[in-house]
């Protein structure tokens, strides 16, 4: 028992040393935590690492920034991004800055400390000069609702949620339970339900994140009323569902109840959870057979960092997964879980 405890303490010490090394000092003396990575999408592995590092930065009382390796850097190092050609650099920046605990993201074009610091300072300068505009509170809808699998959260998901937030005062997002995913997609979710909801609860465009075990959108009205006191007046759906017989039926019934069905544009570049899962399998197989081109690292030191981040669960993340209440920095309401009988239960 004592030996295992010492081993865990040793791991934490190494992790703390690496995290401490990621804190940089700016010209004005301010300290900032800068992590690095690719982040074409969010899954359990990379989001755990991101949240662990953020919590270290939070304890240190410093802002949290993410540097993203450019395609040029990766190509020079003999590596490729999983979604290269489909997710642009600006898409990745947009995705990271949609996370409520990320203060900013920027592209790394060179691996020298001088170049990385210049990119960080350029980002900070732009942020200092950019005026934050207040959102128009006269939005079309009071409460917007969306549901889905949301495994491997990608740019299409983020754009979908951003559009819902743009039109609604309050946004409710329901993650389909693992059981429900198995029932209607006939496959296991690649990211479990608690992790999917935890990730969504940290997206700036999501006010309430829940887990639903019911595909019926009409019953979702009562679920939302159960914890917000009123029905949602719009449901947001990806345009790829337009024309689907089930959705046409839902649309007709919801319309009779005064609920609008809003279809948002889906990326035409083939990005989907299924496509990302396929890429993961291909990359894992390539690495197993000795082809490192699919690796997500560009140096031995960073490889060590990634391995540490991938295997360390982290106290805060573990705590969030064990709780059914997720309160992101942007939260307006208590997060609820949808029980199997379709009723929302507060935790």
C-alpha atoms as a PDB file:
ATOM      1  CA  UNK A   1       0.000   0.000   0.000  1.00  0.00           C
ATOM      2  CA  UNK A   2       2.805   2.425   0.991  1.00  0.00           C
ATOM      3  CA  UNK A   3       4.773   1.564  -2.161  1.00  0.00           C
ATOM      4  CA  UNK A   4       1.754   2.286  -4.388  1.00  0.00           C
ATOM      5  CA  UNK A   5       1.184   5.613  -2.646  1.00  0.00           C
ATOM      6  CA  UNK A   6       4.817   6.618  -3.222  1.00  0.00           C
ATOM      7  CA  UNK A   7       4.468   5.650  -6.888  1.00  0.00           C
ATOM      8  CA  UNK A   8       1.368   7.849  -7.257  1.00  0.00           C
ATOM      9  CA  UNK A   9       3.101  10.731  -5.472  1.00  0.00           C
ATOM     10  CA  UNK A  10       6.061  10.339  -7.836  1.00  0.00           C
ATOM     11  CA  UNK A  11       3.737  10.486 -10.861  1.00  0.00           C
ATOM     12  CA  UNK A  12       2.062  13.615  -9.515  1.00  0.00           C
ATOM     13  CA  UNK A  13       5.472  15.201  -8.901  1.00  0.00           C
ATOM     14  CA  UNK A  14       6.562  14.572 -12.503  1.00  0.00           C
ATOM     15  CA  UNK A  15       3.228  15.886 -13.800  1.00  0.00           C
ATOM     16  CA  UNK A  16       3.513  19.001 -11.608  1.00  0.00           C
ATOM     17  CA  UNK A  17       7.023  19.650 -12.903  1.00  0.00           C
ATOM     18  CA  UNK A  18       5.829  19.483 -16.499  1.00  0.00           C
ATOM     19  CA  UNK A  19       2.863  21.728 -15.768  1.00  0.00           C
ATOM     20  CA  UNK A  20       5.093  24.218 -13.986  1.00  0.00           C
ATOM     21  CA  UNK A  21       7.324  24.302 -17.076  1.00  0.00           C
ATOM     22  CA  UNK A  22       4.291  25.320 -19.156  1.00  0.00           C
ATOM     23  CA  UNK A  23       3.878  28.554 -17.190  1.00  0.00           C
ATOM     24  CA  UNK A  24       5.590  31.393 -19.045  1.00  0.00           C
ATOM     25  CA  UNK A  25       6.274  34.971 -17.973  1.00  0.00           C
ATOM     26  CA  UNK A  26       5.215  37.862 -20.208  1.00  0.00           C
ATOM     27  CA  UNK A  27       7.111  41.132 -20.636  1.00  0.00           C
ATOM     28  CA  UNK A  28       4.859  42.863 -18.093  1.00  0.00           C
ATOM     29  CA  UNK A  29       5.539  40.163 -15.508  1.00  0.00           C
ATOM     30  CA  UNK A  30       2.190  38.363 -15.847  1.00  0.00           C
ATOM     31  CA  UNK A  31       2.414  34.576 -15.852  1.00  0.00           C
ATOM     32  CA  UNK A  32       0.363  32.520 -18.334  1.00  0.00           C
ATOM     33  CA  UNK A  33      -0.086  28.757 -18.688  1.00  0.00           C
ATOM     34  CA  UNK A  34       0.479  27.625 -22.288  1.00  0.00           C
ATOM     35  CA  UNK A  35      -0.296  24.073 -23.330  1.00  0.00           C
ATOM     36  CA  UNK A  36       0.179  22.687 -26.846  1.00  0.00           C
ATOM     37  CA  UNK A  37      -1.607  20.196 -29.031  1.00  0.00           C
ATOM     38  CA  UNK A  38      -3.650  19.505 -32.158  1.00  0.00           C
ATOM     39  CA  UNK A  39      -7.310  19.317 -31.057  1.00  0.00           C
ATOM     40  CA  UNK A  40      -9.155  18.539 -34.292  1.00  0.00           C
ATOM     41  CA  UNK A  41     -12.050  17.426 -32.063  1.00  0.00           C
ATOM     42  CA  UNK A  42     -12.762  16.758 -28.380  1.00  0.00           C
ATOM     43  CA  UNK A  43     -12.979  13.264 -26.945  1.00  0.00           C
ATOM     44  CA  UNK A  44     -12.447  11.757 -23.499  1.00  0.00           C
ATOM     45  CA  UNK A  45      -8.679  11.508 -23.849  1.00  0.00           C
ATOM     46  CA  UNK A  46      -7.808  15.016 -24.992  1.00  0.00           C
ATOM     47  CA  UNK A  47     -10.470  16.789 -22.920  1.00  0.00           C
ATOM     48  CA  UNK A  48      -9.277  15.110 -19.715  1.00  0.00           C
ATOM     49  CA  UNK A  49      -5.812  16.383 -20.409  1.00  0.00           C
ATOM     50  CA  UNK A  50      -7.081  19.888 -21.220  1.00  0.00           C
ATOM     51  CA  UNK A  51      -9.179  20.066 -18.052  1.00  0.00           C
ATOM     52  CA  UNK A  52      -6.373  18.707 -15.861  1.00  0.00           C
ATOM     53  CA  UNK A  53      -3.993  21.355 -17.162  1.00  0.00           C
ATOM     54  CA  UNK A  54      -6.563  24.107 -16.751  1.00  0.00           C
ATOM     55  CA  UNK A  55      -7.086  23.132 -13.123  1.00  0.00           C
ATOM     56  CA  UNK A  56      -3.352  23.360 -12.529  1.00  0.00           C
ATOM     57  CA  UNK A  57      -3.388  26.836 -14.112  1.00  0.00           C
ATOM     58  CA  UNK A  58      -6.396  27.806 -11.992  1.00  0.00           C
ATOM     59  CA  UNK A  59      -4.641  26.769  -8.782  1.00  0.00           C
ATOM     60  CA  UNK A  60      -1.593  28.739  -9.884  1.00  0.00           C
ATOM     61  CA  UNK A  61      -3.833  31.768 -10.482  1.00  0.00           C
ATOM     62  CA  UNK A  62      -2.813  32.230 -14.116  1.00  0.00           C
ATOM     63  CA  UNK A  63      -4.671  32.494 -17.410  1.00  0.00           C
ATOM     64  CA  UNK A  64      -4.928  29.399 -19.640  1.00  0.00           C
ATOM     65  CA  UNK A  65      -3.953  29.442 -23.334  1.00  0.00           C
ATOM     66  CA  UNK A  66      -3.650  26.706 -25.957  1.00  0.00           C
ATOM     67  CA  UNK A  67      -1.085  26.683 -28.759  1.00  0.00           C
ATOM     68  CA  UNK A  68      -2.116  24.631 -31.805  1.00  0.00           C
ATOM     69  CA  UNK A  69       0.478  23.042 -34.076  1.00  0.00           C
ATOM     70  CA  UNK A  70       0.107  24.237 -37.663  1.00  0.00           C
ATOM     71  CA  UNK A  71      -0.073  21.797 -40.557  1.00  0.00           C
ATOM     72  CA  UNK A  72       3.281  23.137 -41.780  1.00  0.00           C
ATOM     73  CA  UNK A  73       4.950  22.227 -38.447  1.00  0.00           C
ATOM     74  CA  UNK A  74       3.443  18.752 -38.483  1.00  0.00           C
ATOM     75  CA  UNK A  75       4.413  18.115 -42.105  1.00  0.00           C
ATOM     76  CA  UNK A  76       8.010  19.139 -41.414  1.00  0.00           C
ATOM     77  CA  UNK A  77       8.061  16.688 -38.524  1.00  0.00           C
ATOM     78  CA  UNK A  78       6.588  13.891 -40.651  1.00  0.00           C
ATOM     79  CA  UNK A  79       3.191  13.913 -38.959  1.00  0.00           C
ATOM     80  CA  UNK A  80      -0.385  14.663 -39.999  1.00  0.00           C
ATOM     81  CA  UNK A  81      -3.535  15.843 -38.253  1.00  0.00           C
ATOM     82  CA  UNK A  82      -6.463  13.389 -38.085  1.00  0.00           C
ATOM     83  CA  UNK A  83      -8.753  15.838 -39.922  1.00  0.00           C
ATOM     84  CA  UNK A  84      -6.188  17.686 -42.011  1.00  0.00           C
ATOM     85  CA  UNK A  85      -7.896  19.276 -45.022  1.00  0.00           C
ATOM     86  CA  UNK A  86     -11.295  19.185 -43.326  1.00  0.00           C
ATOM     87  CA  UNK A  87     -10.670  21.238 -40.207  1.00  0.00           C
ATOM     88  CA  UNK A  88      -8.735  24.459 -40.823  1.00  0.00           C
ATOM     89  CA  UNK A  89      -6.475  26.220 -38.335  1.00  0.00           C
ATOM     90  CA  UNK A  90      -9.112  28.879 -37.710  1.00  0.00           C
ATOM     91  CA  UNK A  91     -11.675  26.113 -37.033  1.00  0.00           C
ATOM     92  CA  UNK A  92      -9.457  24.700 -34.301  1.00  0.00           C
ATOM     93  CA  UNK A  93      -8.967  28.124 -32.744  1.00  0.00           C
ATOM     94  CA  UNK A  94     -12.751  28.638 -32.821  1.00  0.00           C
ATOM     95  CA  UNK A  95     -13.340  25.263 -31.149  1.00  0.00           C
ATOM     96  CA  UNK A  96     -10.835  25.856 -28.344  1.00  0.00           C
ATOM     97  CA  UNK A  97     -12.178  29.336 -27.667  1.00  0.00           C
ATOM     98  CA  UNK A  98     -15.687  27.861 -27.402  1.00  0.00           C
ATOM     99  CA  UNK A  99     -14.499  26.053 -24.240  1.00  0.00           C
ATOM    100  CA  UNK A 100     -15.451  28.158 -21.235  1.00  0.00           C
ATOM    101  CA  UNK A 101     -12.165  27.750 -19.350  1.00  0.00           C
ATOM    102  CA  UNK A 102      -9.843  28.503 -22.285  1.00  0.00           C
ATOM    103  CA  UNK A 103      -8.760  32.152 -22.332  1.00  0.00           C
ATOM    104  CA  UNK A 104      -7.478  31.979 -25.895  1.00  0.00           C
ATOM    105  CA  UNK A 105      -5.930  29.812 -28.606  1.00  0.00           C
ATOM    106  CA  UNK A 106      -3.322  30.518 -31.263  1.00  0.00           C
ATOM    107  CA  UNK A 107      -1.416  28.739 -34.026  1.00  0.00           C
ATOM    108  CA  UNK A 108       2.205  27.654 -33.553  1.00  0.00           C
ATOM    109  CA  UNK A 109       4.154  27.999 -36.815  1.00  0.00           C
ATOM    110  CA  UNK A 110       7.626  27.327 -35.410  1.00  0.00           C
ATOM    111  CA  UNK A 111       8.784  25.258 -32.455  1.00  0.00           C
ATOM    112  CA  UNK A 112      11.253  27.765 -31.008  1.00  0.00           C
ATOM    113  CA  UNK A 113      10.410  29.401 -27.692  1.00  0.00           C
ATOM    114  CA  UNK A 114      10.844  32.827 -29.279  1.00  0.00           C
ATOM    115  CA  UNK A 115       8.336  32.049 -32.023  1.00  0.00           C
ATOM    116  CA  UNK A 116       5.787  30.532 -29.624  1.00  0.00           C
ATOM    117  CA  UNK A 117       6.040  33.563 -27.336  1.00  0.00           C
ATOM    118  CA  UNK A 118       5.587  35.884 -30.330  1.00  0.00           C
ATOM    119  CA  UNK A 119       2.430  34.011 -31.387  1.00  0.00           C
ATOM    120  CA  UNK A 120       1.120  34.197 -27.813  1.00  0.00           C
ATOM    121  CA  UNK A 121       1.873  37.929 -27.564  1.00  0.00           C
ATOM    122  CA  UNK A 122       0.199  38.546 -30.934  1.00  0.00           C
ATOM    123  CA  UNK A 123      -2.906  36.772 -29.615  1.00  0.00           C
ATOM    124  CA  UNK A 124      -2.883  38.804 -26.413  1.00  0.00           C
ATOM    125  CA  UNK A 125      -2.496  42.038 -28.384  1.00  0.00           C
ATOM    126  CA  UNK A 126      -5.459  41.202 -30.646  1.00  0.00           C
ATOM    127  CA  UNK A 127      -7.574  40.339 -27.597  1.00  0.00           C
ATOM    128  CA  UNK A 128      -6.639  43.625 -25.904  1.00  0.00           C
ATOM    129  CA  UNK A 129      -7.706  45.604 -28.981  1.00  0.00           C
ATOM    130  CA  UNK A 130     -10.855  43.639 -29.730  1.00  0.00           C
ATOM    131  CA  UNK A 131     -13.913  45.222 -28.198  1.00  0.00           C
ATOM    132  CA  UNK A 132     -16.237  42.731 -26.600  1.00  0.00           C
ATOM    133  CA  UNK A 133     -19.692  43.384 -27.985  1.00  0.00           C
ATOM    134  CA  UNK A 134     -22.682  42.776 -25.780  1.00  0.00           C
ATOM    135  CA  UNK A 135     -25.074  40.121 -27.051  1.00  0.00           C
ATOM    136  CA  UNK A 136     -28.423  41.277 -28.319  1.00  0.00           C
ATOM    137  CA  UNK A 137     -30.871  40.116 -25.649  1.00  0.00           C
ATOM    138  CA  UNK A 138     -33.838  40.512 -27.980  1.00  0.00           C
ATOM    139  CA  UNK A 139     -33.456  37.008 -29.381  1.00  0.00           C
ATOM    140  CA  UNK A 140     -36.028  35.127 -31.388  1.00  0.00           C
ATOM    141  CA  UNK A 141     -36.534  32.296 -28.893  1.00  0.00           C
ATOM    142  CA  UNK A 142     -36.670  32.079 -25.117  1.00  0.00           C
ATOM    143  CA  UNK A 143     -35.474  28.469 -24.781  1.00  0.00           C
ATOM    144  CA  UNK A 144     -33.750  26.388 -27.436  1.00  0.00           C
ATOM    145  CA  UNK A 145     -33.305  22.619 -27.242  1.00  0.00           C
ATOM    146  CA  UNK A 146     -30.965  20.263 -29.087  1.00  0.00           C
ATOM    147  CA  UNK A 147     -30.137  16.606 -28.626  1.00  0.00           C
ATOM    148  CA  UNK A 148     -27.707  14.140 -30.110  1.00  0.00           C
ATOM    149  CA  UNK A 149     -24.810  11.805 -29.525  1.00  0.00           C
ATOM    150  CA  UNK A 150     -22.072  14.464 -29.503  1.00  0.00           C
ATOM    151  CA  UNK A 151     -19.272  11.909 -29.445  1.00  0.00           C
ATOM    152  CA  UNK A 152     -15.950  13.288 -30.718  1.00  0.00           C
ATOM    153  CA  UNK A 153     -17.261  16.847 -30.437  1.00  0.00           C
ATOM    154  CA  UNK A 154     -16.220  18.511 -33.708  1.00  0.00           C
ATOM    155  CA  UNK A 155     -16.552  21.837 -35.504  1.00  0.00           C
ATOM    156  CA  UNK A 156     -19.968  20.929 -36.952  1.00  0.00           C
ATOM    157  CA  UNK A 157     -21.309  20.381 -33.431  1.00  0.00           C
ATOM    158  CA  UNK A 158     -19.811  23.650 -32.175  1.00  0.00           C
ATOM    159  CA  UNK A 159     -21.261  25.632 -35.101  1.00  0.00           C
ATOM    160  CA  UNK A 160     -24.655  24.006 -34.482  1.00  0.00           C
ATOM    161  CA  UNK A 161     -24.605  25.005 -30.798  1.00  0.00           C
ATOM    162  CA  UNK A 162     -23.316  28.488 -31.581  1.00  0.00           C
ATOM    163  CA  UNK A 163     -26.225  29.095 -33.956  1.00  0.00           C
ATOM    164  CA  UNK A 164     -28.699  27.920 -31.317  1.00  0.00           C
ATOM    165  CA  UNK A 165     -27.124  30.243 -28.754  1.00  0.00           C
ATOM    166  CA  UNK A 166     -27.294  33.124 -31.234  1.00  0.00           C
ATOM    167  CA  UNK A 167     -31.076  32.702 -31.505  1.00  0.00           C
ATOM    168  CA  UNK A 168     -32.000  31.687 -27.929  1.00  0.00           C
ATOM    169  CA  UNK A 169     -31.786  33.276 -24.497  1.00  0.00           C
ATOM    170  CA  UNK A 170     -31.295  29.875 -22.839  1.00  0.00           C
ATOM    171  CA  UNK A 171     -29.929  26.728 -24.466  1.00  0.00           C
ATOM    172  CA  UNK A 172     -30.561  23.170 -23.307  1.00  0.00           C
ATOM    173  CA  UNK A 173     -28.524  20.344 -24.823  1.00  0.00           C
ATOM    174  CA  UNK A 174     -29.421  16.701 -24.222  1.00  0.00           C
ATOM    175  CA  UNK A 175     -26.808  13.998 -24.700  1.00  0.00           C
ATOM    176  CA  UNK A 176     -28.270  10.683 -25.805  1.00  0.00           C
ATOM    177  CA  UNK A 177     -27.521   8.013 -23.216  1.00  0.00           C
ATOM    178  CA  UNK A 178     -25.228   5.103 -24.028  1.00  0.00           C
ATOM    179  CA  UNK A 179     -28.259   2.804 -24.052  1.00  0.00           C
ATOM    180  CA  UNK A 180     -30.152   5.077 -26.446  1.00  0.00           C
ATOM    181  CA  UNK A 181     -27.127   5.295 -28.772  1.00  0.00           C
ATOM    182  CA  UNK A 182     -26.978   1.520 -28.887  1.00  0.00           C
ATOM    183  CA  UNK A 183     -30.712   1.310 -29.578  1.00  0.00           C
ATOM    184  CA  UNK A 184     -30.961   3.683 -32.549  1.00  0.00           C
ATOM    185  CA  UNK A 185     -27.423   3.596 -33.965  1.00  0.00           C
ATOM    186  CA  UNK A 186     -26.820  -0.084 -33.196  1.00  0.00           C
ATOM    187  CA  UNK A 187     -23.314   0.596 -31.893  1.00  0.00           C
ATOM    188  CA  UNK A 188     -21.626   1.572 -28.656  1.00  0.00           C
ATOM    189  CA  UNK A 189     -20.815   5.235 -28.142  1.00  0.00           C
ATOM    190  CA  UNK A 190     -17.086   5.858 -28.520  1.00  0.00           C
ATOM    191  CA  UNK A 191     -17.273   8.366 -25.634  1.00  0.00           C
ATOM    192  CA  UNK A 192     -19.426   7.529 -22.605  1.00  0.00           C
ATOM    193  CA  UNK A 193     -22.499   9.583 -21.714  1.00  0.00           C
ATOM    194  CA  UNK A 194     -21.068  11.243 -18.593  1.00  0.00           C
ATOM    195  CA  UNK A 195     -17.962  12.412 -20.423  1.00  0.00           C
ATOM    196  CA  UNK A 196     -19.996  13.698 -23.368  1.00  0.00           C
ATOM    197  CA  UNK A 197     -22.195  15.727 -21.050  1.00  0.00           C
ATOM    198  CA  UNK A 198     -19.215  16.981 -19.072  1.00  0.00           C
ATOM    199  CA  UNK A 199     -17.555  18.266 -22.271  1.00  0.00           C
ATOM    200  CA  UNK A 200     -20.770  19.950 -23.443  1.00  0.00           C
ATOM    201  CA  UNK A 201     -21.233  21.634 -20.069  1.00  0.00           C
ATOM    202  CA  UNK A 202     -17.959  23.471 -20.711  1.00  0.00           C
ATOM    203  CA  UNK A 203     -19.022  24.832 -24.102  1.00  0.00           C
ATOM    204  CA  UNK A 204     -19.845  28.551 -23.915  1.00  0.00           C
ATOM    205  CA  UNK A 205     -22.970  28.139 -26.034  1.00  0.00           C
ATOM    206  CA  UNK A 206     -24.556  25.590 -23.679  1.00  0.00           C
ATOM    207  CA  UNK A 207     -26.442  26.776 -20.592  1.00  0.00           C
ATOM    208  CA  UNK A 208     -27.869  23.438 -19.451  1.00  0.00           C
ATOM    209  CA  UNK A 209     -26.436  20.013 -20.276  1.00  0.00           C
ATOM    210  CA  UNK A 210     -28.441  16.866 -19.523  1.00  0.00           C
ATOM    211  CA  UNK A 211     -28.463  13.170 -20.412  1.00  0.00           C
ATOM    212  CA  UNK A 212     -31.599  11.818 -22.051  1.00  0.00           C
ATOM    213  CA  UNK A 213     -32.677   8.201 -22.304  1.00  0.00           C
ATOM    214  CA  UNK A 214     -35.669   8.984 -24.530  1.00  0.00           C
ATOM    215  CA  UNK A 215     -35.677   9.677 -28.279  1.00  0.00           C
ATOM    216  CA  UNK A 216     -39.177  11.201 -28.225  1.00  0.00           C
ATOM    217  CA  UNK A 217     -38.820  14.980 -28.725  1.00  0.00           C
ATOM    218  CA  UNK A 218     -42.373  15.624 -27.520  1.00  0.00           C
ATOM    219  CA  UNK A 219     -41.603  14.155 -24.095  1.00  0.00           C
ATOM    220  CA  UNK A 220     -38.514  16.372 -24.012  1.00  0.00           C
ATOM    221  CA  UNK A 221     -40.887  19.342 -23.680  1.00  0.00           C
ATOM    222  CA  UNK A 222     -42.037  18.112 -20.269  1.00  0.00           C
ATOM    223  CA  UNK A 223     -38.455  17.321 -19.225  1.00  0.00           C
ATOM    224  CA  UNK A 224     -37.348  20.886 -19.911  1.00  0.00           C
ATOM    225  CA  UNK A 225     -40.450  22.343 -18.241  1.00  0.00           C
ATOM    226  CA  UNK A 226     -39.630  20.234 -15.192  1.00  0.00           C
ATOM    227  CA  UNK A 227     -36.476  22.195 -14.399  1.00  0.00           C
ATOM    228  CA  UNK A 228     -36.924  25.508 -16.259  1.00  0.00           C
ATOM    229  CA  UNK A 229     -40.622  25.983 -15.560  1.00  0.00           C
ATOM    230  CA  UNK A 230     -41.605  26.339 -19.228  1.00  0.00           C
ATOM    231  CA  UNK A 231     -41.439  24.488 -22.532  1.00  0.00           C
ATOM    232  CA  UNK A 232     -38.741  25.185 -25.074  1.00  0.00           C
ATOM    233  CA  UNK A 233     -40.063  27.149 -28.053  1.00  0.00           C
ATOM    234  CA  UNK A 234     -37.525  25.932 -30.614  1.00  0.00           C
ATOM    235  CA  UNK A 235     -35.679  22.700 -31.268  1.00  0.00           C
ATOM    236  CA  UNK A 236     -32.454  22.790 -33.284  1.00  0.00           C
ATOM    237  CA  UNK A 237     -31.538  19.966 -35.662  1.00  0.00           C
ATOM    238  CA  UNK A 238     -28.757  19.389 -38.163  1.00  0.00           C
ATOM    239  CA  UNK A 239     -29.866  19.836 -41.780  1.00  0.00           C
ATOM    240  CA  UNK A 240     -28.812  16.245 -42.530  1.00  0.00           C
ATOM    241  CA  UNK A 241     -32.026  15.164 -40.753  1.00  0.00           C
ATOM    242  CA  UNK A 242     -34.258  17.249 -42.992  1.00  0.00           C
ATOM    243  CA  UNK A 243     -36.652  14.999 -44.898  1.00  0.00           C
ATOM    244  CA  UNK A 244     -36.228  12.095 -42.478  1.00  0.00           C
ATOM    245  CA  UNK A 245     -39.691  10.497 -41.903  1.00  0.00           C
ATOM    246  CA  UNK A 246     -39.330  10.520 -38.104  1.00  0.00           C
ATOM    247  CA  UNK A 247     -38.345  14.174 -38.073  1.00  0.00           C
ATOM    248  CA  UNK A 248     -41.141  15.146 -40.429  1.00  0.00           C
ATOM    249  CA  UNK A 249     -43.544  13.557 -37.948  1.00  0.00           C
ATOM    250  CA  UNK A 250     -41.913  15.369 -35.008  1.00  0.00           C
ATOM    251  CA  UNK A 251     -41.936  18.641 -36.949  1.00  0.00           C
ATOM    252  CA  UNK A 252     -45.673  18.403 -37.608  1.00  0.00           C
ATOM    253  CA  UNK A 253     -46.564  17.618 -33.980  1.00  0.00           C
ATOM    254  CA  UNK A 254     -44.191  20.230 -32.530  1.00  0.00           C
ATOM    255  CA  UNK A 255     -45.556  22.855 -34.900  1.00  0.00           C
ATOM    256  CA  UNK A 256     -49.054  22.180 -33.574  1.00  0.00           C
ATOM    257  CA  UNK A 257     -47.702  22.954 -30.084  1.00  0.00           C
ATOM    258  CA  UNK A 258     -46.119  26.225 -31.207  1.00  0.00           C
ATOM    259  CA  UNK A 259     -42.562  24.906 -31.268  1.00  0.00           C
ATOM    260  CA  UNK A 260     -40.358  25.795 -34.241  1.00  0.00           C
ATOM    261  CA  UNK A 261     -38.011  23.215 -35.745  1.00  0.00           C
ATOM    262  CA  UNK A 262     -34.822  24.996 -36.854  1.00  0.00           C
ATOM    263  CA  UNK A 263     -32.466  23.149 -39.191  1.00  0.00           C
ATOM    264  CA  UNK A 264     -28.862  24.333 -39.071  1.00  0.00           C
ATOM    265  CA  UNK A 265     -26.379  23.804 -41.885  1.00  0.00           C
ATOM    266  CA  UNK A 266     -24.101  20.815 -41.553  1.00  0.00           C
ATOM    267  CA  UNK A 267     -20.502  20.825 -42.845  1.00  0.00           C
ATOM    268  CA  UNK A 268     -20.276  19.521 -46.391  1.00  0.00           C
ATOM    269  CA  UNK A 269     -16.757  18.214 -45.796  1.00  0.00           C
ATOM    270  CA  UNK A 270     -17.729  14.794 -44.452  1.00  0.00           C
ATOM    271  CA  UNK A 271     -16.905  15.463 -40.792  1.00  0.00           C
ATOM    272  CA  UNK A 272     -18.844  13.157 -38.499  1.00  0.00           C
ATOM    273  CA  UNK A 273     -18.364  11.125 -35.335  1.00  0.00           C
ATOM    274  CA  UNK A 274     -18.280   7.944 -37.426  1.00  0.00           C
ATOM    275  CA  UNK A 275     -15.588   9.376 -39.719  1.00  0.00           C
ATOM    276  CA  UNK A 276     -13.490  10.452 -36.717  1.00  0.00           C
ATOM    277  CA  UNK A 277     -13.832   7.021 -35.085  1.00  0.00           C
ATOM    278  CA  UNK A 278     -12.633   5.476 -38.350  1.00  0.00           C
ATOM    279  CA  UNK A 279      -9.636   7.831 -38.406  1.00  0.00           C
ATOM    280  CA  UNK A 280      -8.771   6.873 -34.827  1.00  0.00           C
ATOM    281  CA  UNK A 281      -8.761   3.190 -35.724  1.00  0.00           C
ATOM    282  CA  UNK A 282      -6.628   3.819 -38.815  1.00  0.00           C
ATOM    283  CA  UNK A 283      -4.112   5.888 -36.840  1.00  0.00           C
ATOM    284  CA  UNK A 284      -3.909   3.337 -34.038  1.00  0.00           C
ATOM    285  CA  UNK A 285      -3.296   0.568 -36.589  1.00  0.00           C
ATOM    286  CA  UNK A 286      -0.649   2.661 -38.362  1.00  0.00           C
ATOM    287  CA  UNK A 287       1.195   3.323 -35.098  1.00  0.00           C
ATOM    288  CA  UNK A 288       0.957  -0.358 -34.147  1.00  0.00           C
ATOM    289  CA  UNK A 289       2.641  -1.269 -37.417  1.00  0.00           C
ATOM    290  CA  UNK A 290       5.367   1.306 -36.916  1.00  0.00           C
ATOM    291  CA  UNK A 291       4.042   4.134 -39.099  1.00  0.00           C
ATOM    292  CA  UNK A 292       4.441   7.240 -36.945  1.00  0.00           C
ATOM    293  CA  UNK A 293       2.954   9.640 -39.492  1.00  0.00           C
ATOM    294  CA  UNK A 294      -0.368   9.446 -37.705  1.00  0.00           C
ATOM    295  CA  UNK A 295       1.147  10.331 -34.338  1.00  0.00           C
ATOM    296  CA  UNK A 296      -0.033  13.505 -32.696  1.00  0.00           C
ATOM    297  CA  UNK A 297       3.363  14.441 -31.230  1.00  0.00           C
ATOM    298  CA  UNK A 298       6.241  16.411 -32.687  1.00  0.00           C
ATOM    299  CA  UNK A 299       8.984  15.842 -30.152  1.00  0.00           C
ATOM    300  CA  UNK A 300      10.054  13.339 -27.529  1.00  0.00           C
ATOM    301  CA  UNK A 301       9.405  15.790 -24.691  1.00  0.00           C
ATOM    302  CA  UNK A 302       5.921  16.536 -25.939  1.00  0.00           C
ATOM    303  CA  UNK A 303       5.299  12.819 -26.398  1.00  0.00           C
ATOM    304  CA  UNK A 304       6.040  12.421 -22.683  1.00  0.00           C
ATOM    305  CA  UNK A 305       3.686  15.309 -21.894  1.00  0.00           C
ATOM    306  CA  UNK A 306       0.870  13.804 -23.943  1.00  0.00           C
ATOM    307  CA  UNK A 307       1.336  10.375 -22.378  1.00  0.00           C
ATOM    308  CA  UNK A 308       1.099  11.959 -18.944  1.00  0.00           C
ATOM    309  CA  UNK A 309      -2.006  13.936 -19.869  1.00  0.00           C
ATOM    310  CA  UNK A 310      -3.673  10.930 -21.474  1.00  0.00           C
ATOM    311  CA  UNK A 311      -3.250   8.615 -18.494  1.00  0.00           C
ATOM    312  CA  UNK A 312      -3.851  11.011 -15.617  1.00  0.00           C
ATOM    313  CA  UNK A 313      -7.533  11.326 -14.780  1.00  0.00           C
ATOM    314  CA  UNK A 314      -7.183  14.372 -12.553  1.00  0.00           C
ATOM    315  CA  UNK A 315      -9.084  15.072  -9.350  1.00  0.00           C
ATOM    316  CA  UNK A 316     -11.390  17.760 -10.759  1.00  0.00           C
ATOM    317  CA  UNK A 317     -12.343  15.782 -13.872  1.00  0.00           C
ATOM    318  CA  UNK A 318     -12.937  12.641 -11.826  1.00  0.00           C
ATOM    319  CA  UNK A 319     -15.141  14.647  -9.490  1.00  0.00           C
ATOM    320  CA  UNK A 320     -17.180  16.053 -12.382  1.00  0.00           C
ATOM    321  CA  UNK A 321     -17.743  12.599 -13.866  1.00  0.00           C
ATOM    322  CA  UNK A 322     -18.926  11.190 -10.561  1.00  0.00           C
ATOM    323  CA  UNK A 323     -21.420  14.018 -10.188  1.00  0.00           C
ATOM    324  CA  UNK A 324     -24.636  14.465 -12.107  1.00  0.00           C
ATOM    325  CA  UNK A 325     -24.402  18.229 -11.753  1.00  0.00           C
ATOM    326  CA  UNK A 326     -22.134  20.060 -14.171  1.00  0.00           C
ATOM    327  CA  UNK A 327     -21.858  23.801 -13.735  1.00  0.00           C
ATOM    328  CA  UNK A 328     -19.733  25.367 -16.449  1.00  0.00           C
ATOM    329  CA  UNK A 329     -18.496  28.941 -16.089  1.00  0.00           C
ATOM    330  CA  UNK A 330     -21.310  30.033 -18.411  1.00  0.00           C
ATOM    331  CA  UNK A 331     -24.072  28.190 -16.578  1.00  0.00           C
ATOM    332  CA  UNK A 332     -27.326  29.964 -15.789  1.00  0.00           C
ATOM    333  CA  UNK A 333     -29.190  26.989 -14.377  1.00  0.00           C
ATOM    334  CA  UNK A 334     -28.491  23.868 -12.409  1.00  0.00           C
ATOM    335  CA  UNK A 335     -27.609  21.016 -14.765  1.00  0.00           C
ATOM    336  CA  UNK A 336     -30.002  18.084 -14.610  1.00  0.00           C
ATOM    337  CA  UNK A 337     -29.954  14.472 -15.652  1.00  0.00           C
ATOM    338  CA  UNK A 338     -32.879  12.975 -17.521  1.00  0.00           C
ATOM    339  CA  UNK A 339     -34.062   9.838 -15.799  1.00  0.00           C
ATOM    340  CA  UNK A 340     -35.147   6.769 -17.748  1.00  0.00           C
ATOM    341  CA  UNK A 341     -38.823   7.527 -17.254  1.00  0.00           C
ATOM    342  CA  UNK A 342     -38.347  10.875 -18.990  1.00  0.00           C
ATOM    343  CA  UNK A 343     -38.460  13.100 -15.897  1.00  0.00           C
ATOM    344  CA  UNK A 344     -35.693  15.514 -14.971  1.00  0.00           C
ATOM    345  CA  UNK A 345     -34.196  14.904 -11.582  1.00  0.00           C
ATOM    346  CA  UNK A 346     -31.998  17.441  -9.846  1.00  0.00           C
ATOM    347  CA  UNK A 347     -28.792  16.198  -8.303  1.00  0.00           C
END
